[in-house]
Amino acid sequence: MKLKTGSFLWYLYLDKLYCLLSVRNVKALLEYFRLLDVHRNNTLNDVLFYHFLHHVTNLNQRQIRTVFNMLDWNALGEIGFDQFYMLNHLEAQFIFRHSRPVFELLDQDGEMKIGAEQFRTYHFLINIKNQELRELYHDFDIKGDRRLTYKEFKLFTICTMDKYQMRQKAKKEKDKEKAMLKKKTLQEANVN
C-alpha cells in the first residue's frame, strides 16, 4: 500500500527506534479521524472508510473492501480509532516492532497460523510479491505445513527488517554518489 504524496498521512512519521507516532502526531491523527467520523459515533463505516482510503492511497475498491473486513474485528460494519491507527503504519519497521498485533490481524481464523492464502489476500498491505511469498514459505515454514506460526512469522519480520535496512543503506549511498557526481560536474562546468 502506497500513500499518495501530499496527503495528510504522508507527513506523519514513525519514531525510528520504536516505530510509534509522537504524541503530537497521534493527536493529529485522532483529530483527522474525528473529522472523517461524520456520524459522530467514534467509528468509520465502510463507505467513509472507502472514500478515505481511495483518496489517500493507491488501493483499488476490492483491496479497500478487503482491508476494511480485516480491520472490522467485531464484524459490526465499522472500525474504531485503534484499527484506523494500525492501518496507517503497516510497513517493514512497524511490522518488525509490532509483529504480534500484525500477526493477529493476518490470522483471520484465529488458529495462530498464517497460510499462504492469507498472505495472498493481504499482500498489497505489506508489499510482498508472489516470488517473495514462495521464498517466505520455503525459508521460514520450519514445520513444512505451508502455514506460519508466530515464531516463524517473527523470523520472517527479522529477515525483512534486515533487508529493508540494507536497501535503505544502499539508497543512501547511491544518493550520496549522485550528489558527489553532481557537485563534481558543477565544479568542472564552473572551471570551464
N, C-alpha and C. Protein backbone atom coordinates (compact mmCIF):
# COMPACT_ATOMS: atom_id res chain seq x y z
N MET A 1 0.85 -1.17 0.00
CA MET A 1 0.00 0.00 0.00
C MET A 1 0.90 1.23 0.00
N LYS A 2 0.64 2.11 -0.92
CA LYS A 2 1.41 3.35 -1.02
C LYS A 2 0.49 4.54 -0.75
N LEU A 3 0.97 5.43 0.11
CA LEU A 3 0.24 6.66 0.34
C LEU A 3 0.49 7.62 -0.80
N LYS A 4 -0.53 8.37 -1.18
CA LYS A 4 -0.36 9.38 -2.21
C LYS A 4 0.43 10.55 -1.63
N THR A 5 1.38 11.02 -2.39
CA THR A 5 2.20 12.14 -1.96
C THR A 5 1.32 13.35 -1.69
N GLY A 6 1.58 14.01 -0.58
CA GLY A 6 0.85 15.22 -0.25
C GLY A 6 -0.37 15.00 0.62
N SER A 7 -0.79 13.74 0.80
CA SER A 7 -1.94 13.51 1.68
C SER A 7 -1.50 13.75 3.13
N PHE A 8 -2.46 14.00 3.99
CA PHE A 8 -2.18 14.28 5.39
C PHE A 8 -1.30 13.21 6.02
N LEU A 9 -1.62 11.95 5.73
CA LEU A 9 -0.89 10.84 6.34
C LEU A 9 0.56 10.76 5.87
N TRP A 10 0.84 11.33 4.72
CA TRP A 10 2.20 11.32 4.17
C TRP A 10 3.16 12.02 5.13
N TYR A 11 2.66 12.98 5.89
CA TYR A 11 3.50 13.80 6.75
C TYR A 11 3.65 13.26 8.17
N LEU A 12 3.02 12.15 8.48
CA LEU A 12 3.15 11.54 9.80
C LEU A 12 4.32 10.56 9.77
N TYR A 13 5.25 10.73 10.69
CA TYR A 13 6.43 9.88 10.72
C TYR A 13 6.47 9.04 11.99
N LEU A 14 6.95 7.82 11.83
CA LEU A 14 7.13 6.95 12.99
C LEU A 14 8.48 7.21 13.62
N ASP A 15 8.55 7.10 14.94
CA ASP A 15 9.82 7.15 15.64
C ASP A 15 10.70 6.03 15.11
N LYS A 16 11.96 6.33 14.77
CA LYS A 16 12.82 5.35 14.12
C LYS A 16 13.12 4.14 15.01
N LEU A 17 13.21 4.34 16.31
CA LEU A 17 13.55 3.24 17.20
C LEU A 17 12.35 2.36 17.55
N TYR A 18 11.26 2.97 17.97
CA TYR A 18 10.12 2.19 18.45
C TYR A 18 8.99 2.05 17.43
N CYS A 19 9.09 2.76 16.31
CA CYS A 19 8.07 2.70 15.26
C CYS A 19 6.69 3.09 15.80
N LEU A 20 6.66 4.14 16.56
CA LEU A 20 5.42 4.69 17.08
C LEU A 20 5.33 6.15 16.67
N LEU A 21 4.12 6.67 16.63
CA LEU A 21 3.93 8.08 16.35
C LEU A 21 4.22 8.89 17.60
N SER A 22 4.65 10.14 17.40
CA SER A 22 4.80 11.03 18.54
C SER A 22 3.41 11.35 19.08
N VAL A 23 3.34 11.88 20.28
CA VAL A 23 2.06 12.24 20.88
C VAL A 23 1.37 13.29 20.01
N ARG A 24 2.13 14.23 19.50
CA ARG A 24 1.57 15.27 18.63
C ARG A 24 0.94 14.66 17.37
N ASN A 25 1.64 13.69 16.77
CA ASN A 25 1.12 13.05 15.57
C ASN A 25 -0.11 12.19 15.86
N VAL A 26 -0.13 11.54 17.01
CA VAL A 26 -1.31 10.74 17.38
C VAL A 26 -2.51 11.67 17.58
N LYS A 27 -2.28 12.82 18.23
CA LYS A 27 -3.37 13.77 18.41
C LYS A 27 -3.88 14.26 17.06
N ALA A 28 -2.95 14.54 16.14
CA ALA A 28 -3.35 15.00 14.80
C ALA A 28 -4.13 13.91 14.07
N LEU A 29 -3.67 12.66 14.18
CA LEU A 29 -4.37 11.55 13.54
C LEU A 29 -5.76 11.35 14.15
N LEU A 30 -5.86 11.50 15.46
CA LEU A 30 -7.16 11.38 16.13
C LEU A 30 -8.12 12.49 15.65
N GLU A 31 -7.62 13.70 15.53
CA GLU A 31 -8.47 14.79 15.03
C GLU A 31 -8.90 14.53 13.60
N TYR A 32 -8.00 13.98 12.79
CA TYR A 32 -8.33 13.62 11.41
C TYR A 32 -9.42 12.56 11.39
N PHE A 33 -9.28 11.56 12.26
CA PHE A 33 -10.29 10.51 12.38
C PHE A 33 -11.64 11.12 12.77
N ARG A 34 -11.62 12.04 13.71
CA ARG A 34 -12.87 12.68 14.14
C ARG A 34 -13.51 13.49 13.02
N LEU A 35 -12.70 14.11 12.18
CA LEU A 35 -13.23 14.85 11.03
C LEU A 35 -13.91 13.89 10.05
N LEU A 36 -13.32 12.72 9.87
CA LEU A 36 -13.90 11.73 8.96
C LEU A 36 -15.18 11.12 9.53
N ASP A 37 -15.30 11.09 10.83
CA ASP A 37 -16.44 10.48 11.52
C ASP A 37 -17.64 11.43 11.47
N VAL A 38 -18.31 11.49 10.34
CA VAL A 38 -19.41 12.44 10.16
C VAL A 38 -20.64 12.07 10.99
N HIS A 39 -20.77 10.82 11.41
CA HIS A 39 -21.92 10.39 12.22
C HIS A 39 -21.69 10.60 13.71
N ARG A 40 -20.50 10.99 14.08
CA ARG A 40 -20.13 11.28 15.48
C ARG A 40 -20.38 10.11 16.43
N ASN A 41 -19.99 8.89 15.98
CA ASN A 41 -20.12 7.74 16.87
C ASN A 41 -18.76 7.06 17.09
N ASN A 42 -17.69 7.79 16.84
CA ASN A 42 -16.31 7.31 17.05
C ASN A 42 -15.96 6.08 16.22
N THR A 43 -16.57 5.98 15.05
CA THR A 43 -16.26 4.89 14.13
C THR A 43 -16.38 5.39 12.69
N LEU A 44 -15.81 4.62 11.79
CA LEU A 44 -15.97 4.87 10.36
C LEU A 44 -16.66 3.67 9.75
N ASN A 45 -17.73 3.90 9.00
CA ASN A 45 -18.39 2.78 8.33
C ASN A 45 -17.65 2.48 7.02
N ASP A 46 -18.10 1.48 6.31
CA ASP A 46 -17.39 1.06 5.10
C ASP A 46 -17.36 2.13 4.01
N VAL A 47 -18.40 2.94 3.91
CA VAL A 47 -18.44 3.98 2.87
C VAL A 47 -17.43 5.07 3.18
N LEU A 48 -17.42 5.56 4.41
CA LEU A 48 -16.44 6.58 4.81
C LEU A 48 -15.02 6.05 4.65
N PHE A 49 -14.82 4.82 5.09
CA PHE A 49 -13.51 4.19 5.01
C PHE A 49 -13.05 4.07 3.56
N TYR A 50 -13.96 3.65 2.67
CA TYR A 50 -13.62 3.51 1.26
C TYR A 50 -13.18 4.85 0.68
N HIS A 51 -13.95 5.89 0.91
CA HIS A 51 -13.62 7.20 0.32
C HIS A 51 -12.32 7.75 0.90
N PHE A 52 -12.09 7.51 2.18
CA PHE A 52 -10.83 7.95 2.79
C PHE A 52 -9.65 7.25 2.13
N LEU A 53 -9.68 5.91 2.09
CA LEU A 53 -8.55 5.17 1.52
C LEU A 53 -8.39 5.43 0.02
N HIS A 54 -9.48 5.58 -0.67
CA HIS A 54 -9.41 5.87 -2.10
C HIS A 54 -8.70 7.20 -2.34
N HIS A 55 -8.91 8.15 -1.44
CA HIS A 55 -8.31 9.48 -1.57
C HIS A 55 -6.83 9.50 -1.22
N VAL A 56 -6.40 8.71 -0.23
CA VAL A 56 -5.01 8.83 0.26
C VAL A 56 -4.08 7.69 -0.15
N THR A 57 -4.61 6.62 -0.79
CA THR A 57 -3.74 5.50 -1.17
C THR A 57 -3.94 5.13 -2.64
N ASN A 58 -3.14 4.17 -3.06
CA ASN A 58 -3.25 3.65 -4.42
C ASN A 58 -4.09 2.36 -4.48
N LEU A 59 -4.83 2.05 -3.43
CA LEU A 59 -5.61 0.80 -3.38
C LEU A 59 -6.86 0.90 -4.25
N ASN A 60 -7.23 -0.23 -4.84
CA ASN A 60 -8.47 -0.27 -5.62
C ASN A 60 -9.64 -0.66 -4.71
N GLN A 61 -10.85 -0.68 -5.28
CA GLN A 61 -12.05 -0.92 -4.49
C GLN A 61 -12.03 -2.29 -3.79
N ARG A 62 -11.60 -3.34 -4.50
CA ARG A 62 -11.55 -4.68 -3.91
C ARG A 62 -10.57 -4.71 -2.75
N GLN A 63 -9.41 -4.09 -2.92
CA GLN A 63 -8.40 -4.08 -1.86
C GLN A 63 -8.89 -3.30 -0.64
N ILE A 64 -9.57 -2.20 -0.88
CA ILE A 64 -10.10 -1.41 0.24
C ILE A 64 -11.15 -2.20 1.01
N ARG A 65 -12.02 -2.91 0.30
CA ARG A 65 -13.00 -3.76 0.99
C ARG A 65 -12.32 -4.85 1.81
N THR A 66 -11.26 -5.43 1.25
CA THR A 66 -10.51 -6.47 1.95
C THR A 66 -9.89 -5.92 3.23
N VAL A 67 -9.30 -4.73 3.14
CA VAL A 67 -8.70 -4.09 4.31
C VAL A 67 -9.77 -3.80 5.36
N PHE A 68 -10.88 -3.28 4.92
CA PHE A 68 -11.96 -2.96 5.87
C PHE A 68 -12.41 -4.22 6.60
N ASN A 69 -12.62 -5.30 5.86
CA ASN A 69 -13.06 -6.54 6.50
C ASN A 69 -12.02 -7.08 7.47
N MET A 70 -10.74 -6.89 7.16
CA MET A 70 -9.69 -7.33 8.06
C MET A 70 -9.70 -6.51 9.35
N LEU A 71 -9.91 -5.22 9.22
CA LEU A 71 -9.87 -4.33 10.39
C LEU A 71 -11.16 -4.33 11.19
N ASP A 72 -12.24 -4.76 10.61
CA ASP A 72 -13.54 -4.82 11.30
C ASP A 72 -13.56 -6.08 12.17
N TRP A 73 -12.78 -6.05 13.25
CA TRP A 73 -12.57 -7.22 14.10
C TRP A 73 -13.87 -7.78 14.65
N ASN A 74 -14.83 -6.94 14.99
CA ASN A 74 -16.07 -7.38 15.60
C ASN A 74 -17.16 -7.70 14.59
N ALA A 75 -16.89 -7.47 13.32
CA ALA A 75 -17.86 -7.66 12.24
C ALA A 75 -19.11 -6.81 12.46
N LEU A 76 -18.90 -5.57 12.89
CA LEU A 76 -20.00 -4.64 13.12
C LEU A 76 -20.25 -3.72 11.93
N GLY A 77 -19.40 -3.78 10.93
CA GLY A 77 -19.55 -2.91 9.78
C GLY A 77 -18.95 -1.53 9.97
N GLU A 78 -18.07 -1.40 10.97
CA GLU A 78 -17.39 -0.13 11.23
C GLU A 78 -16.10 -0.39 11.98
N ILE A 79 -15.18 0.58 11.87
CA ILE A 79 -13.91 0.45 12.58
C ILE A 79 -13.71 1.65 13.49
N GLY A 80 -13.00 1.43 14.58
CA GLY A 80 -12.69 2.50 15.52
C GLY A 80 -11.30 3.06 15.29
N PHE A 81 -10.90 3.94 16.18
CA PHE A 81 -9.61 4.60 16.03
C PHE A 81 -8.44 3.61 16.14
N ASP A 82 -8.55 2.60 17.00
CA ASP A 82 -7.46 1.62 17.15
C ASP A 82 -7.13 0.95 15.82
N GLN A 83 -8.15 0.53 15.11
CA GLN A 83 -7.95 -0.12 13.82
C GLN A 83 -7.43 0.89 12.79
N PHE A 84 -7.96 2.10 12.85
CA PHE A 84 -7.53 3.17 11.95
C PHE A 84 -6.04 3.45 12.15
N TYR A 85 -5.60 3.46 13.40
CA TYR A 85 -4.18 3.68 13.72
C TYR A 85 -3.32 2.56 13.14
N MET A 86 -3.74 1.32 13.31
CA MET A 86 -2.98 0.18 12.78
C MET A 86 -2.84 0.26 11.28
N LEU A 87 -3.89 0.66 10.61
CA LEU A 87 -3.88 0.74 9.16
C LEU A 87 -2.78 1.65 8.64
N ASN A 88 -2.55 2.73 9.32
CA ASN A 88 -1.66 3.76 8.81
C ASN A 88 -0.18 3.46 8.99
N HIS A 89 0.16 2.28 9.48
CA HIS A 89 1.58 2.01 9.75
C HIS A 89 2.04 0.63 9.37
N LEU A 90 1.42 0.00 8.40
CA LEU A 90 1.84 -1.34 8.01
C LEU A 90 3.02 -1.23 7.03
N GLU A 91 4.19 -1.10 7.58
CA GLU A 91 5.40 -1.05 6.79
C GLU A 91 6.46 -1.87 7.52
N ALA A 92 7.59 -2.09 6.87
CA ALA A 92 8.60 -3.04 7.37
C ALA A 92 8.98 -2.79 8.82
N GLN A 93 9.31 -1.56 9.17
CA GLN A 93 9.75 -1.28 10.54
C GLN A 93 8.62 -1.52 11.54
N PHE A 94 7.42 -1.09 11.21
CA PHE A 94 6.29 -1.26 12.12
C PHE A 94 5.97 -2.74 12.29
N ILE A 95 5.97 -3.47 11.19
CA ILE A 95 5.67 -4.90 11.26
C ILE A 95 6.70 -5.61 12.14
N PHE A 96 7.97 -5.21 12.02
CA PHE A 96 9.02 -5.81 12.84
C PHE A 96 8.80 -5.52 14.32
N ARG A 97 8.56 -4.26 14.65
CA ARG A 97 8.41 -3.86 16.05
C ARG A 97 7.10 -4.35 16.68
N HIS A 98 6.08 -4.52 15.85
CA HIS A 98 4.76 -4.89 16.37
C HIS A 98 4.27 -6.16 15.68
N SER A 99 5.14 -7.15 15.65
CA SER A 99 4.84 -8.37 14.91
C SER A 99 3.63 -9.13 15.47
N ARG A 100 3.43 -9.10 16.76
CA ARG A 100 2.30 -9.84 17.34
C ARG A 100 0.95 -9.28 16.87
N PRO A 101 0.70 -7.97 17.01
CA PRO A 101 -0.60 -7.46 16.52
C PRO A 101 -0.78 -7.64 15.01
N VAL A 102 0.30 -7.50 14.24
CA VAL A 102 0.20 -7.69 12.80
C VAL A 102 -0.12 -9.15 12.49
N PHE A 103 0.54 -10.07 13.20
CA PHE A 103 0.26 -11.49 13.03
C PHE A 103 -1.21 -11.78 13.31
N GLU A 104 -1.72 -11.20 14.39
CA GLU A 104 -3.12 -11.44 14.76
C GLU A 104 -4.08 -10.84 13.73
N LEU A 105 -3.70 -9.73 13.11
CA LEU A 105 -4.53 -9.16 12.04
C LEU A 105 -4.59 -10.11 10.86
N LEU A 106 -3.44 -10.68 10.50
CA LEU A 106 -3.38 -11.58 9.34
C LEU A 106 -4.03 -12.93 9.63
N ASP A 107 -4.03 -13.34 10.88
CA ASP A 107 -4.60 -14.62 11.28
C ASP A 107 -6.11 -14.47 11.48
N GLN A 108 -6.83 -14.40 10.38
CA GLN A 108 -8.27 -14.12 10.42
C GLN A 108 -9.09 -15.22 11.07
N ASP A 109 -8.63 -16.47 10.97
CA ASP A 109 -9.43 -17.56 11.53
C ASP A 109 -9.07 -17.89 12.97
N GLY A 110 -8.07 -17.22 13.53
CA GLY A 110 -7.72 -17.40 14.93
C GLY A 110 -7.01 -18.70 15.27
N GLU A 111 -6.44 -19.37 14.27
CA GLU A 111 -5.76 -20.65 14.51
C GLU A 111 -4.30 -20.48 14.92
N MET A 112 -3.84 -19.24 15.03
CA MET A 112 -2.45 -18.93 15.38
C MET A 112 -1.47 -19.44 14.33
N LYS A 113 -1.94 -19.49 13.08
CA LYS A 113 -1.10 -19.84 11.93
C LYS A 113 -1.59 -19.02 10.74
N ILE A 114 -0.65 -18.63 9.90
CA ILE A 114 -0.99 -17.86 8.71
C ILE A 114 -0.66 -18.68 7.48
N GLY A 115 -1.67 -18.97 6.69
CA GLY A 115 -1.47 -19.71 5.45
C GLY A 115 -1.10 -18.79 4.29
N ALA A 116 -0.63 -19.39 3.23
CA ALA A 116 -0.23 -18.63 2.04
C ALA A 116 -1.40 -17.83 1.48
N GLU A 117 -2.60 -18.39 1.58
CA GLU A 117 -3.79 -17.70 1.06
C GLU A 117 -4.04 -16.39 1.80
N GLN A 118 -3.81 -16.39 3.12
CA GLN A 118 -3.98 -15.16 3.88
C GLN A 118 -2.95 -14.11 3.47
N PHE A 119 -1.72 -14.55 3.21
CA PHE A 119 -0.70 -13.62 2.72
C PHE A 119 -1.08 -13.08 1.34
N ARG A 120 -1.59 -13.96 0.48
CA ARG A 120 -2.00 -13.50 -0.86
C ARG A 120 -3.13 -12.48 -0.76
N THR A 121 -4.03 -12.70 0.17
CA THR A 121 -5.15 -11.79 0.34
C THR A 121 -4.68 -10.39 0.75
N TYR A 122 -3.69 -10.32 1.61
CA TYR A 122 -3.23 -9.04 2.16
C TYR A 122 -1.85 -8.61 1.66
N HIS A 123 -1.35 -9.24 0.59
CA HIS A 123 -0.01 -8.94 0.10
C HIS A 123 0.19 -7.46 -0.22
N PHE A 124 -0.83 -6.79 -0.69
CA PHE A 124 -0.70 -5.38 -1.08
C PHE A 124 -0.48 -4.47 0.13
N LEU A 125 -0.87 -4.92 1.33
CA LEU A 125 -0.66 -4.11 2.52
C LEU A 125 0.78 -4.16 3.00
N ILE A 126 1.39 -5.31 2.90
CA ILE A 126 2.76 -5.46 3.39
C ILE A 126 3.77 -5.56 2.26
N ASN A 127 3.33 -5.22 1.07
CA ASN A 127 4.20 -5.16 -0.11
C ASN A 127 5.02 -6.43 -0.31
N ILE A 128 4.35 -7.57 -0.38
CA ILE A 128 5.03 -8.83 -0.63
C ILE A 128 4.55 -9.37 -1.98
N LYS A 129 5.50 -9.72 -2.82
CA LYS A 129 5.18 -10.21 -4.16
C LYS A 129 5.11 -11.74 -4.15
N ASN A 130 4.55 -12.33 -5.23
CA ASN A 130 4.36 -13.79 -5.28
C ASN A 130 5.67 -14.55 -5.13
N GLN A 131 6.73 -14.08 -5.79
CA GLN A 131 8.03 -14.74 -5.67
C GLN A 131 8.53 -14.68 -4.23
N GLU A 132 8.38 -13.53 -3.59
CA GLU A 132 8.79 -13.40 -2.20
C GLU A 132 7.95 -14.29 -1.30
N LEU A 133 6.67 -14.46 -1.65
CA LEU A 133 5.79 -15.33 -0.87
C LEU A 133 6.26 -16.78 -0.94
N ARG A 134 6.63 -17.23 -2.15
CA ARG A 134 7.16 -18.60 -2.28
C ARG A 134 8.44 -18.76 -1.46
N GLU A 135 9.32 -17.76 -1.55
CA GLU A 135 10.57 -17.81 -0.78
C GLU A 135 10.29 -17.78 0.71
N LEU A 136 9.29 -17.01 1.11
CA LEU A 136 8.92 -16.91 2.52
C LEU A 136 8.59 -18.28 3.09
N TYR A 137 7.72 -19.00 2.40
CA TYR A 137 7.32 -20.32 2.90
C TYR A 137 8.44 -21.33 2.76
N HIS A 138 9.27 -21.19 1.75
CA HIS A 138 10.41 -22.10 1.59
C HIS A 138 11.42 -21.88 2.71
N ASP A 139 11.67 -20.62 3.04
CA ASP A 139 12.71 -20.29 4.02
C ASP A 139 12.25 -20.35 5.48
N PHE A 140 11.00 -20.01 5.75
CA PHE A 140 10.57 -19.83 7.13
C PHE A 140 9.55 -20.84 7.63
N ASP A 141 8.96 -21.62 6.75
CA ASP A 141 7.98 -22.62 7.17
C ASP A 141 8.73 -23.85 7.67
N ILE A 142 9.16 -23.80 8.91
CA ILE A 142 10.01 -24.83 9.50
C ILE A 142 9.30 -26.18 9.57
N LYS A 143 8.02 -26.18 9.92
CA LYS A 143 7.26 -27.42 10.03
C LYS A 143 6.88 -28.00 8.67
N GLY A 144 6.89 -27.17 7.64
CA GLY A 144 6.56 -27.64 6.30
C GLY A 144 5.07 -27.83 6.04
N ASP A 145 4.23 -27.22 6.87
CA ASP A 145 2.79 -27.37 6.70
C ASP A 145 2.15 -26.24 5.89
N ARG A 146 2.97 -25.39 5.28
CA ARG A 146 2.52 -24.26 4.46
C ARG A 146 1.71 -23.25 5.26
N ARG A 147 1.98 -23.20 6.57
CA ARG A 147 1.35 -22.23 7.45
C ARG A 147 2.40 -21.76 8.45
N LEU A 148 2.50 -20.46 8.63
CA LEU A 148 3.49 -19.91 9.56
C LEU A 148 2.91 -19.74 10.95
N THR A 149 3.65 -20.22 11.94
CA THR A 149 3.29 -19.95 13.33
C THR A 149 3.82 -18.55 13.66
N TYR A 150 3.52 -18.07 14.85
CA TYR A 150 4.01 -16.74 15.21
C TYR A 150 5.54 -16.71 15.22
N LYS A 151 6.18 -17.74 15.73
CA LYS A 151 7.65 -17.76 15.77
C LYS A 151 8.24 -17.71 14.37
N GLU A 152 7.65 -18.44 13.45
CA GLU A 152 8.12 -18.42 12.06
C GLU A 152 7.88 -17.05 11.44
N PHE A 153 6.73 -16.44 11.75
CA PHE A 153 6.44 -15.10 11.25
C PHE A 153 7.42 -14.08 11.82
N LYS A 154 7.77 -14.22 13.08
CA LYS A 154 8.74 -13.31 13.72
C LYS A 154 10.09 -13.41 13.03
N LEU A 155 10.51 -14.64 12.69
CA LEU A 155 11.77 -14.80 11.94
C LEU A 155 11.69 -14.09 10.60
N PHE A 156 10.55 -14.21 9.94
CA PHE A 156 10.33 -13.51 8.67
C PHE A 156 10.46 -12.00 8.85
N THR A 157 9.86 -11.45 9.92
CA THR A 157 9.93 -10.00 10.12
C THR A 157 11.36 -9.55 10.40
N ILE A 158 12.13 -10.36 11.11
CA ILE A 158 13.53 -10.01 11.38
C ILE A 158 14.31 -9.97 10.07
N CYS A 159 14.12 -10.98 9.25
CA CYS A 159 14.81 -11.03 7.95
C CYS A 159 14.37 -9.87 7.06
N THR A 160 13.09 -9.59 7.03
CA THR A 160 12.56 -8.49 6.23
C THR A 160 13.14 -7.17 6.69
N MET A 161 13.26 -6.98 7.99
CA MET A 161 13.83 -5.75 8.53
C MET A 161 15.29 -5.61 8.13
N ASP A 162 16.03 -6.71 8.17
CA ASP A 162 17.43 -6.67 7.74
C ASP A 162 17.54 -6.26 6.27
N LYS A 163 16.69 -6.84 5.42
CA LYS A 163 16.69 -6.50 4.00
C LYS A 163 16.30 -5.03 3.81
N TYR A 164 15.32 -4.57 4.56
CA TYR A 164 14.88 -3.18 4.47
C TYR A 164 16.02 -2.23 4.83
N GLN A 165 16.74 -2.54 5.91
CA GLN A 165 17.85 -1.70 6.33
C GLN A 165 18.97 -1.70 5.29
N MET A 166 19.22 -2.85 4.67
CA MET A 166 20.25 -2.90 3.62
C MET A 166 19.84 -2.06 2.42
N ARG A 167 18.55 -2.13 2.03
CA ARG A 167 18.06 -1.31 0.91
C ARG A 167 18.18 0.18 1.23
N GLN A 168 17.84 0.55 2.47
CA GLN A 168 17.93 1.95 2.88
C GLN A 168 19.39 2.43 2.83
N LYS A 169 20.29 1.58 3.29
CA LYS A 169 21.71 1.93 3.29
C LYS A 169 22.22 2.08 1.86
N ALA A 170 21.84 1.15 0.98
CA ALA A 170 22.26 1.22 -0.42
C ALA A 170 21.68 2.47 -1.08
N LYS A 171 20.45 2.81 -0.76
CA LYS A 171 19.83 4.01 -1.33
C LYS A 171 20.57 5.26 -0.88
N LYS A 172 20.93 5.33 0.40
CA LYS A 172 21.68 6.49 0.91
C LYS A 172 23.02 6.62 0.20
N GLU A 173 23.71 5.48 0.02
CA GLU A 173 25.00 5.51 -0.66
C GLU A 173 24.85 5.94 -2.11
N LYS A 174 23.81 5.46 -2.78
CA LYS A 174 23.56 5.84 -4.16
C LYS A 174 23.24 7.34 -4.27
N ASP A 175 22.42 7.83 -3.35
CA ASP A 175 22.10 9.26 -3.33
C ASP A 175 23.34 10.10 -3.06
N LYS A 176 24.20 9.61 -2.18
CA LYS A 176 25.43 10.32 -1.86
C LYS A 176 26.34 10.36 -3.09
N GLU A 177 26.45 9.24 -3.81
CA GLU A 177 27.25 9.20 -5.03
C GLU A 177 26.71 10.16 -6.08
N LYS A 178 25.38 10.21 -6.24
CA LYS A 178 24.76 11.13 -7.19
C LYS A 178 25.08 12.57 -6.83
N ALA A 179 24.98 12.89 -5.55
CA ALA A 179 25.27 14.25 -5.10
C ALA A 179 26.73 14.62 -5.36
N MET A 180 27.62 13.67 -5.11
CA MET A 180 29.06 13.92 -5.36
C MET A 180 29.31 14.12 -6.85
N LEU A 181 28.68 13.31 -7.69
CA LEU A 181 28.85 13.42 -9.14
C LEU A 181 28.30 14.75 -9.63
N LYS A 182 27.15 15.15 -9.10
CA LYS A 182 26.55 16.42 -9.50
C LYS A 182 27.44 17.58 -9.08
N LYS A 183 27.99 17.50 -7.87
CA LYS A 183 28.88 18.54 -7.38
C LYS A 183 30.13 18.63 -8.24
N LYS A 184 30.69 17.48 -8.60
CA LYS A 184 31.88 17.43 -9.43
C LYS A 184 31.60 18.02 -10.82
N THR A 185 30.44 17.68 -11.38
CA THR A 185 30.04 18.19 -12.70
C THR A 185 29.89 19.71 -12.65
N LEU A 186 29.28 20.25 -11.58
CA LEU A 186 29.10 21.69 -11.44
C LEU A 186 30.46 22.39 -11.29
N GLN A 187 31.38 21.76 -10.56
CA GLN A 187 32.71 22.35 -10.38
C GLN A 187 33.46 22.39 -11.72
N GLU A 188 33.36 21.32 -12.48
CA GLU A 188 34.01 21.28 -13.79
C GLU A 188 33.40 22.32 -14.73
N ALA A 189 32.09 22.51 -14.66
CA ALA A 189 31.42 23.50 -15.52
C ALA A 189 31.85 24.91 -15.13
N ASN A 190 32.06 25.16 -13.84
CA ASN A 190 32.49 26.47 -13.37
C ASN A 190 33.93 26.76 -13.76
N VAL A 191 34.77 25.74 -13.82
CA VAL A 191 36.17 25.91 -14.22
C VAL A 191 36.25 26.29 -15.69
N ASN A 192 35.43 25.67 -16.51
CA ASN A 192 35.44 25.94 -17.96
C ASN A 192 34.77 27.25 -18.19
